[in-house]
Amino acid sequence: MKGSFVLIIDDEPDICRLLQLSLVRLGYDVKYVHELRAGLQCIQSQQPDILFLDIHLPDGSGLEAISVFKNKYPALKVITISAYDNGMEKQTALSAGASYFLAKPFSVKNVDELMKDVKS
């Protein structure tokens, strides 16, 4: 998966930059956007291998978007990210087709461990 294209859809610039720096260091090509609409446009023009998707976005629900992405791109690995790690959202995201759930706040070490799992 090294060298793969990763798209991040999250409305928090600091989260996007942290993920981008961590993933670039691991050898990934990374782009981020802050709205679901922009993410949909990006996916249509540059299909990512991995998608980091915030569950709560200003212009829509990441949870609802998972099935849209997975129906159109079944091989896409979706990693949901959320500050609400209450178990219910995690289960809903995984049931909708997400591969992984990353709770905020997270560290570079969390991202490194997650990406090892994604690659296998």
N, C-alpha and C. Protein backbone atom coordinates (compact mmCIF):
# COMPACT_ATOMS: atom_id res chain seq x y z
N MET A 1 0.82 -1.20 0.00
CA MET A 1 0.00 0.00 0.00
C MET A 1 0.86 1.27 0.00
N LYS A 2 2.16 1.12 0.27
CA LYS A 2 3.04 2.28 0.26
C LYS A 2 2.99 2.91 -1.13
N GLY A 3 2.94 4.24 -1.17
CA GLY A 3 2.82 4.92 -2.44
C GLY A 3 1.38 5.08 -2.87
N SER A 4 0.46 4.55 -2.10
CA SER A 4 -0.96 4.65 -2.40
C SER A 4 -1.45 6.07 -2.16
N PHE A 5 -2.58 6.40 -2.82
CA PHE A 5 -3.19 7.71 -2.66
C PHE A 5 -4.20 7.68 -1.52
N VAL A 6 -4.06 8.61 -0.59
CA VAL A 6 -4.94 8.72 0.57
C VAL A 6 -5.67 10.06 0.51
N LEU A 7 -6.99 10.01 0.67
CA LEU A 7 -7.79 11.23 0.77
C LEU A 7 -8.30 11.35 2.20
N ILE A 8 -8.20 12.56 2.74
CA ILE A 8 -8.72 12.85 4.08
C ILE A 8 -9.86 13.85 3.93
N ILE A 9 -11.02 13.52 4.48
CA ILE A 9 -12.14 14.46 4.51
C ILE A 9 -12.44 14.74 5.98
N ASP A 10 -12.02 15.92 6.43
CA ASP A 10 -12.22 16.33 7.82
C ASP A 10 -12.27 17.85 7.87
N ASP A 11 -13.14 18.40 8.69
CA ASP A 11 -13.29 19.85 8.75
C ASP A 11 -12.31 20.53 9.70
N GLU A 12 -11.49 19.76 10.38
CA GLU A 12 -10.51 20.33 11.31
C GLU A 12 -9.13 20.37 10.65
N PRO A 13 -8.63 21.57 10.31
CA PRO A 13 -7.33 21.69 9.63
C PRO A 13 -6.18 21.02 10.38
N ASP A 14 -6.15 21.11 11.71
CA ASP A 14 -5.07 20.50 12.48
C ASP A 14 -5.06 18.98 12.33
N ILE A 15 -6.24 18.38 12.33
CA ILE A 15 -6.35 16.92 12.15
C ILE A 15 -5.83 16.55 10.76
N CYS A 16 -6.24 17.31 9.75
CA CYS A 16 -5.80 17.04 8.39
C CYS A 16 -4.29 17.12 8.26
N ARG A 17 -3.69 18.15 8.86
CA ARG A 17 -2.24 18.32 8.77
C ARG A 17 -1.50 17.21 9.52
N LEU A 18 -1.99 16.85 10.70
CA LEU A 18 -1.36 15.76 11.46
C LEU A 18 -1.40 14.46 10.67
N LEU A 19 -2.56 14.13 10.12
CA LEU A 19 -2.67 12.92 9.32
C LEU A 19 -1.78 12.99 8.08
N GLN A 20 -1.80 14.13 7.41
CA GLN A 20 -1.00 14.28 6.20
C GLN A 20 0.49 14.08 6.50
N LEU A 21 0.99 14.74 7.53
CA LEU A 21 2.41 14.60 7.88
C LEU A 21 2.75 13.16 8.24
N SER A 22 1.89 12.52 9.00
CA SER A 22 2.14 11.12 9.40
C SER A 22 2.15 10.20 8.19
N LEU A 23 1.19 10.39 7.29
CA LEU A 23 1.05 9.49 6.14
C LEU A 23 2.14 9.74 5.08
N VAL A 24 2.50 10.99 4.86
CA VAL A 24 3.58 11.30 3.91
C VAL A 24 4.88 10.68 4.40
N ARG A 25 5.12 10.76 5.70
CA ARG A 25 6.32 10.16 6.29
C ARG A 25 6.36 8.65 6.05
N LEU A 26 5.18 8.02 5.96
CA LEU A 26 5.10 6.59 5.70
C LEU A 26 5.12 6.25 4.21
N GLY A 27 5.20 7.29 3.36
CA GLY A 27 5.33 7.05 1.93
C GLY A 27 4.04 7.15 1.13
N TYR A 28 2.98 7.70 1.70
CA TYR A 28 1.71 7.84 1.00
C TYR A 28 1.60 9.19 0.32
N ASP A 29 0.86 9.23 -0.79
CA ASP A 29 0.49 10.46 -1.47
C ASP A 29 -0.82 10.91 -0.84
N VAL A 30 -0.88 12.12 -0.28
CA VAL A 30 -2.01 12.53 0.55
C VAL A 30 -2.60 13.86 0.09
N LYS A 31 -3.93 13.91 0.09
CA LYS A 31 -4.65 15.15 -0.16
C LYS A 31 -5.75 15.25 0.89
N TYR A 32 -6.09 16.47 1.29
CA TYR A 32 -7.21 16.62 2.21
C TYR A 32 -8.14 17.73 1.77
N VAL A 33 -9.41 17.56 2.13
CA VAL A 33 -10.45 18.55 1.90
C VAL A 33 -11.26 18.66 3.19
N HIS A 34 -12.03 19.75 3.31
CA HIS A 34 -12.73 20.00 4.57
C HIS A 34 -14.24 19.81 4.50
N GLU A 35 -14.76 19.42 3.34
CA GLU A 35 -16.20 19.23 3.20
C GLU A 35 -16.48 17.95 2.44
N LEU A 36 -17.61 17.35 2.73
CA LEU A 36 -18.03 16.12 2.07
C LEU A 36 -18.18 16.33 0.56
N ARG A 37 -18.77 17.44 0.18
CA ARG A 37 -18.99 17.75 -1.24
C ARG A 37 -17.65 17.77 -2.00
N ALA A 38 -16.65 18.43 -1.42
CA ALA A 38 -15.33 18.50 -2.05
C ALA A 38 -14.69 17.11 -2.10
N GLY A 39 -14.93 16.31 -1.08
CA GLY A 39 -14.42 14.94 -1.06
C GLY A 39 -15.02 14.08 -2.16
N LEU A 40 -16.32 14.23 -2.37
CA LEU A 40 -16.99 13.48 -3.44
C LEU A 40 -16.40 13.85 -4.81
N GLN A 41 -16.17 15.14 -5.02
CA GLN A 41 -15.58 15.59 -6.28
C GLN A 41 -14.16 15.04 -6.46
N CYS A 42 -13.40 15.04 -5.39
CA CYS A 42 -12.02 14.55 -5.44
C CYS A 42 -11.99 13.05 -5.77
N ILE A 43 -12.86 12.31 -5.12
CA ILE A 43 -12.89 10.86 -5.35
C ILE A 43 -13.23 10.53 -6.80
N GLN A 44 -14.11 11.32 -7.40
CA GLN A 44 -14.48 11.07 -8.80
C GLN A 44 -13.34 11.36 -9.76
N SER A 45 -12.47 12.32 -9.41
CA SER A 45 -11.38 12.67 -10.33
C SER A 45 -10.09 11.89 -10.02
N GLN A 46 -9.88 11.54 -8.78
CA GLN A 46 -8.64 10.87 -8.34
C GLN A 46 -9.01 9.79 -7.35
N GLN A 47 -9.34 8.62 -7.80
CA GLN A 47 -9.83 7.60 -6.87
C GLN A 47 -8.74 7.21 -5.86
N PRO A 48 -9.00 7.45 -4.57
CA PRO A 48 -8.01 7.07 -3.55
C PRO A 48 -8.06 5.57 -3.26
N ASP A 49 -6.97 5.09 -2.67
CA ASP A 49 -6.91 3.71 -2.19
C ASP A 49 -7.46 3.63 -0.77
N ILE A 50 -7.24 4.73 -0.02
CA ILE A 50 -7.63 4.79 1.39
C ILE A 50 -8.31 6.14 1.62
N LEU A 51 -9.40 6.12 2.37
CA LEU A 51 -10.13 7.34 2.70
C LEU A 51 -10.26 7.47 4.21
N PHE A 52 -9.76 8.58 4.76
CA PHE A 52 -10.02 8.93 6.15
C PHE A 52 -11.23 9.86 6.12
N LEU A 53 -12.30 9.47 6.79
CA LEU A 53 -13.56 10.18 6.70
C LEU A 53 -14.08 10.56 8.08
N ASP A 54 -14.19 11.85 8.33
CA ASP A 54 -14.78 12.33 9.57
C ASP A 54 -16.27 12.01 9.55
N ILE A 55 -16.80 11.64 10.68
CA ILE A 55 -18.21 11.28 10.76
C ILE A 55 -19.12 12.51 10.74
N HIS A 56 -18.67 13.59 11.38
CA HIS A 56 -19.48 14.81 11.48
C HIS A 56 -18.84 15.93 10.66
N LEU A 57 -19.44 16.25 9.53
CA LEU A 57 -18.93 17.29 8.65
C LEU A 57 -19.96 18.40 8.51
N PRO A 58 -19.52 19.62 8.22
CA PRO A 58 -20.47 20.74 8.17
C PRO A 58 -21.54 20.59 7.09
N ASP A 59 -21.24 19.86 6.02
CA ASP A 59 -22.21 19.74 4.94
C ASP A 59 -22.79 18.33 4.77
N GLY A 60 -22.67 17.49 5.82
CA GLY A 60 -23.28 16.17 5.72
C GLY A 60 -22.70 15.18 6.70
N SER A 61 -23.28 14.00 6.68
CA SER A 61 -22.88 12.93 7.58
C SER A 61 -21.91 11.97 6.91
N GLY A 62 -20.73 11.86 7.51
CA GLY A 62 -19.78 10.88 7.02
C GLY A 62 -20.31 9.46 7.14
N LEU A 63 -21.11 9.21 8.19
CA LEU A 63 -21.69 7.87 8.36
C LEU A 63 -22.56 7.50 7.17
N GLU A 64 -23.39 8.45 6.73
CA GLU A 64 -24.27 8.17 5.59
C GLU A 64 -23.48 8.05 4.29
N ALA A 65 -22.35 8.74 4.20
CA ALA A 65 -21.55 8.72 2.98
C ALA A 65 -20.77 7.42 2.79
N ILE A 66 -20.52 6.69 3.87
CA ILE A 66 -19.73 5.45 3.77
C ILE A 66 -20.31 4.51 2.73
N SER A 67 -21.61 4.24 2.81
CA SER A 67 -22.22 3.29 1.88
C SER A 67 -22.18 3.80 0.44
N VAL A 68 -22.29 5.12 0.26
CA VAL A 68 -22.19 5.71 -1.08
C VAL A 68 -20.80 5.43 -1.67
N PHE A 69 -19.76 5.70 -0.87
CA PHE A 69 -18.40 5.45 -1.33
C PHE A 69 -18.15 3.97 -1.59
N LYS A 70 -18.59 3.13 -0.68
CA LYS A 70 -18.33 1.69 -0.80
C LYS A 70 -19.10 1.06 -1.96
N ASN A 71 -20.31 1.55 -2.24
CA ASN A 71 -21.08 1.03 -3.38
C ASN A 71 -20.40 1.37 -4.69
N LYS A 72 -19.87 2.58 -4.78
CA LYS A 72 -19.23 3.02 -6.02
C LYS A 72 -17.81 2.47 -6.16
N TYR A 73 -17.10 2.36 -5.03
CA TYR A 73 -15.70 1.90 -5.03
C TYR A 73 -15.52 0.82 -3.96
N PRO A 74 -15.92 -0.41 -4.26
CA PRO A 74 -15.90 -1.49 -3.25
C PRO A 74 -14.53 -1.77 -2.64
N ALA A 75 -13.45 -1.54 -3.38
CA ALA A 75 -12.11 -1.84 -2.86
C ALA A 75 -11.56 -0.73 -1.96
N LEU A 76 -12.24 0.42 -1.91
CA LEU A 76 -11.79 1.55 -1.11
C LEU A 76 -11.79 1.19 0.38
N LYS A 77 -10.66 1.42 1.02
CA LYS A 77 -10.58 1.22 2.48
C LYS A 77 -10.99 2.52 3.14
N VAL A 78 -12.07 2.48 3.92
CA VAL A 78 -12.58 3.67 4.60
C VAL A 78 -12.23 3.58 6.08
N ILE A 79 -11.57 4.63 6.56
CA ILE A 79 -11.23 4.73 7.98
C ILE A 79 -12.01 5.93 8.52
N THR A 80 -12.98 5.66 9.38
CA THR A 80 -13.75 6.76 9.95
C THR A 80 -13.00 7.34 11.13
N ILE A 81 -13.12 8.66 11.28
CA ILE A 81 -12.50 9.34 12.41
C ILE A 81 -13.55 10.19 13.09
N SER A 82 -13.54 10.14 14.42
CA SER A 82 -14.55 10.89 15.17
C SER A 82 -14.10 11.14 16.60
N ALA A 83 -14.55 12.26 17.13
CA ALA A 83 -14.30 12.57 18.54
C ALA A 83 -15.30 11.85 19.42
N TYR A 84 -16.34 11.29 18.81
CA TYR A 84 -17.38 10.59 19.57
C TYR A 84 -17.13 9.09 19.51
N ASP A 85 -16.36 8.60 20.46
CA ASP A 85 -16.02 7.18 20.50
C ASP A 85 -16.91 6.50 21.54
N ASN A 86 -18.21 6.49 21.25
CA ASN A 86 -19.15 5.94 22.22
C ASN A 86 -19.54 4.49 21.92
N GLY A 87 -18.89 3.87 20.98
CA GLY A 87 -19.20 2.48 20.66
C GLY A 87 -20.30 2.37 19.62
N MET A 88 -21.35 3.16 19.77
CA MET A 88 -22.48 3.11 18.85
C MET A 88 -22.08 3.62 17.46
N GLU A 89 -21.40 4.76 17.42
CA GLU A 89 -20.96 5.30 16.12
C GLU A 89 -19.94 4.37 15.47
N LYS A 90 -19.06 3.82 16.27
CA LYS A 90 -18.07 2.88 15.74
C LYS A 90 -18.77 1.69 15.10
N GLN A 91 -19.73 1.12 15.78
CA GLN A 91 -20.46 -0.04 15.26
C GLN A 91 -21.23 0.33 13.99
N THR A 92 -21.86 1.50 14.00
CA THR A 92 -22.61 1.96 12.83
C THR A 92 -21.67 2.14 11.63
N ALA A 93 -20.52 2.75 11.87
CA ALA A 93 -19.54 2.97 10.79
C ALA A 93 -19.04 1.64 10.22
N LEU A 94 -18.70 0.71 11.08
CA LEU A 94 -18.20 -0.59 10.63
C LEU A 94 -19.29 -1.37 9.89
N SER A 95 -20.51 -1.27 10.38
CA SER A 95 -21.64 -1.94 9.71
C SER A 95 -21.92 -1.35 8.33
N ALA A 96 -21.67 -0.05 8.18
CA ALA A 96 -21.91 0.62 6.90
C ALA A 96 -20.82 0.34 5.87
N GLY A 97 -19.71 -0.27 6.31
CA GLY A 97 -18.66 -0.63 5.36
C GLY A 97 -17.29 -0.06 5.66
N ALA A 98 -17.17 0.71 6.74
CA ALA A 98 -15.84 1.22 7.11
C ALA A 98 -14.95 0.04 7.52
N SER A 99 -13.67 0.17 7.21
CA SER A 99 -12.71 -0.88 7.57
C SER A 99 -12.18 -0.69 8.98
N TYR A 100 -12.05 0.58 9.39
CA TYR A 100 -11.46 0.90 10.69
C TYR A 100 -12.13 2.15 11.26
N PHE A 101 -11.95 2.34 12.57
CA PHE A 101 -12.46 3.51 13.28
C PHE A 101 -11.32 4.09 14.09
N LEU A 102 -11.02 5.36 13.88
CA LEU A 102 -9.94 6.03 14.61
C LEU A 102 -10.55 7.12 15.46
N ALA A 103 -10.40 7.00 16.78
CA ALA A 103 -10.99 7.97 17.70
C ALA A 103 -10.07 9.17 17.88
N LYS A 104 -10.67 10.37 17.88
CA LYS A 104 -9.93 11.60 18.19
C LYS A 104 -9.97 11.80 19.70
N PRO A 105 -8.97 12.34 20.31
CA PRO A 105 -7.69 12.69 19.70
C PRO A 105 -6.85 11.44 19.49
N PHE A 106 -5.99 11.48 18.50
CA PHE A 106 -5.10 10.36 18.24
C PHE A 106 -3.69 10.88 18.09
N SER A 107 -2.74 9.98 18.15
CA SER A 107 -1.33 10.35 18.06
C SER A 107 -0.73 9.81 16.76
N VAL A 108 0.46 10.26 16.45
CA VAL A 108 1.19 9.75 15.29
C VAL A 108 1.38 8.24 15.45
N LYS A 109 1.64 7.80 16.67
CA LYS A 109 1.81 6.36 16.93
C LYS A 109 0.54 5.60 16.59
N ASN A 110 -0.64 6.15 16.94
CA ASN A 110 -1.91 5.51 16.59
C ASN A 110 -2.04 5.34 15.08
N VAL A 111 -1.66 6.38 14.34
CA VAL A 111 -1.75 6.35 12.87
C VAL A 111 -0.78 5.31 12.32
N ASP A 112 0.44 5.28 12.82
CA ASP A 112 1.44 4.30 12.37
C ASP A 112 0.93 2.88 12.58
N GLU A 113 0.37 2.61 13.75
CA GLU A 113 -0.13 1.26 14.06
C GLU A 113 -1.32 0.92 13.15
N LEU A 114 -2.21 1.88 12.95
CA LEU A 114 -3.36 1.65 12.09
C LEU A 114 -2.92 1.34 10.65
N MET A 115 -1.95 2.09 10.14
CA MET A 115 -1.53 1.89 8.76
C MET A 115 -0.81 0.55 8.57
N LYS A 116 -0.14 0.06 9.61
CA LYS A 116 0.44 -1.29 9.53
C LYS A 116 -0.66 -2.32 9.34
N ASP A 117 -1.76 -2.12 10.06
CA ASP A 117 -2.91 -3.01 9.97
C ASP A 117 -3.59 -2.90 8.60
N VAL A 118 -3.70 -1.68 8.08
CA VAL A 118 -4.33 -1.45 6.78
C VAL A 118 -3.56 -2.15 5.67
N LYS A 119 -2.23 -2.11 5.76
CA LYS A 119 -1.38 -2.71 4.73
C LYS A 119 -1.48 -4.23 4.68
N SER A 120 -1.80 -4.84 5.82
CA SER A 120 -1.80 -6.32 5.84
C SER A 120 -3.09 -6.92 5.34
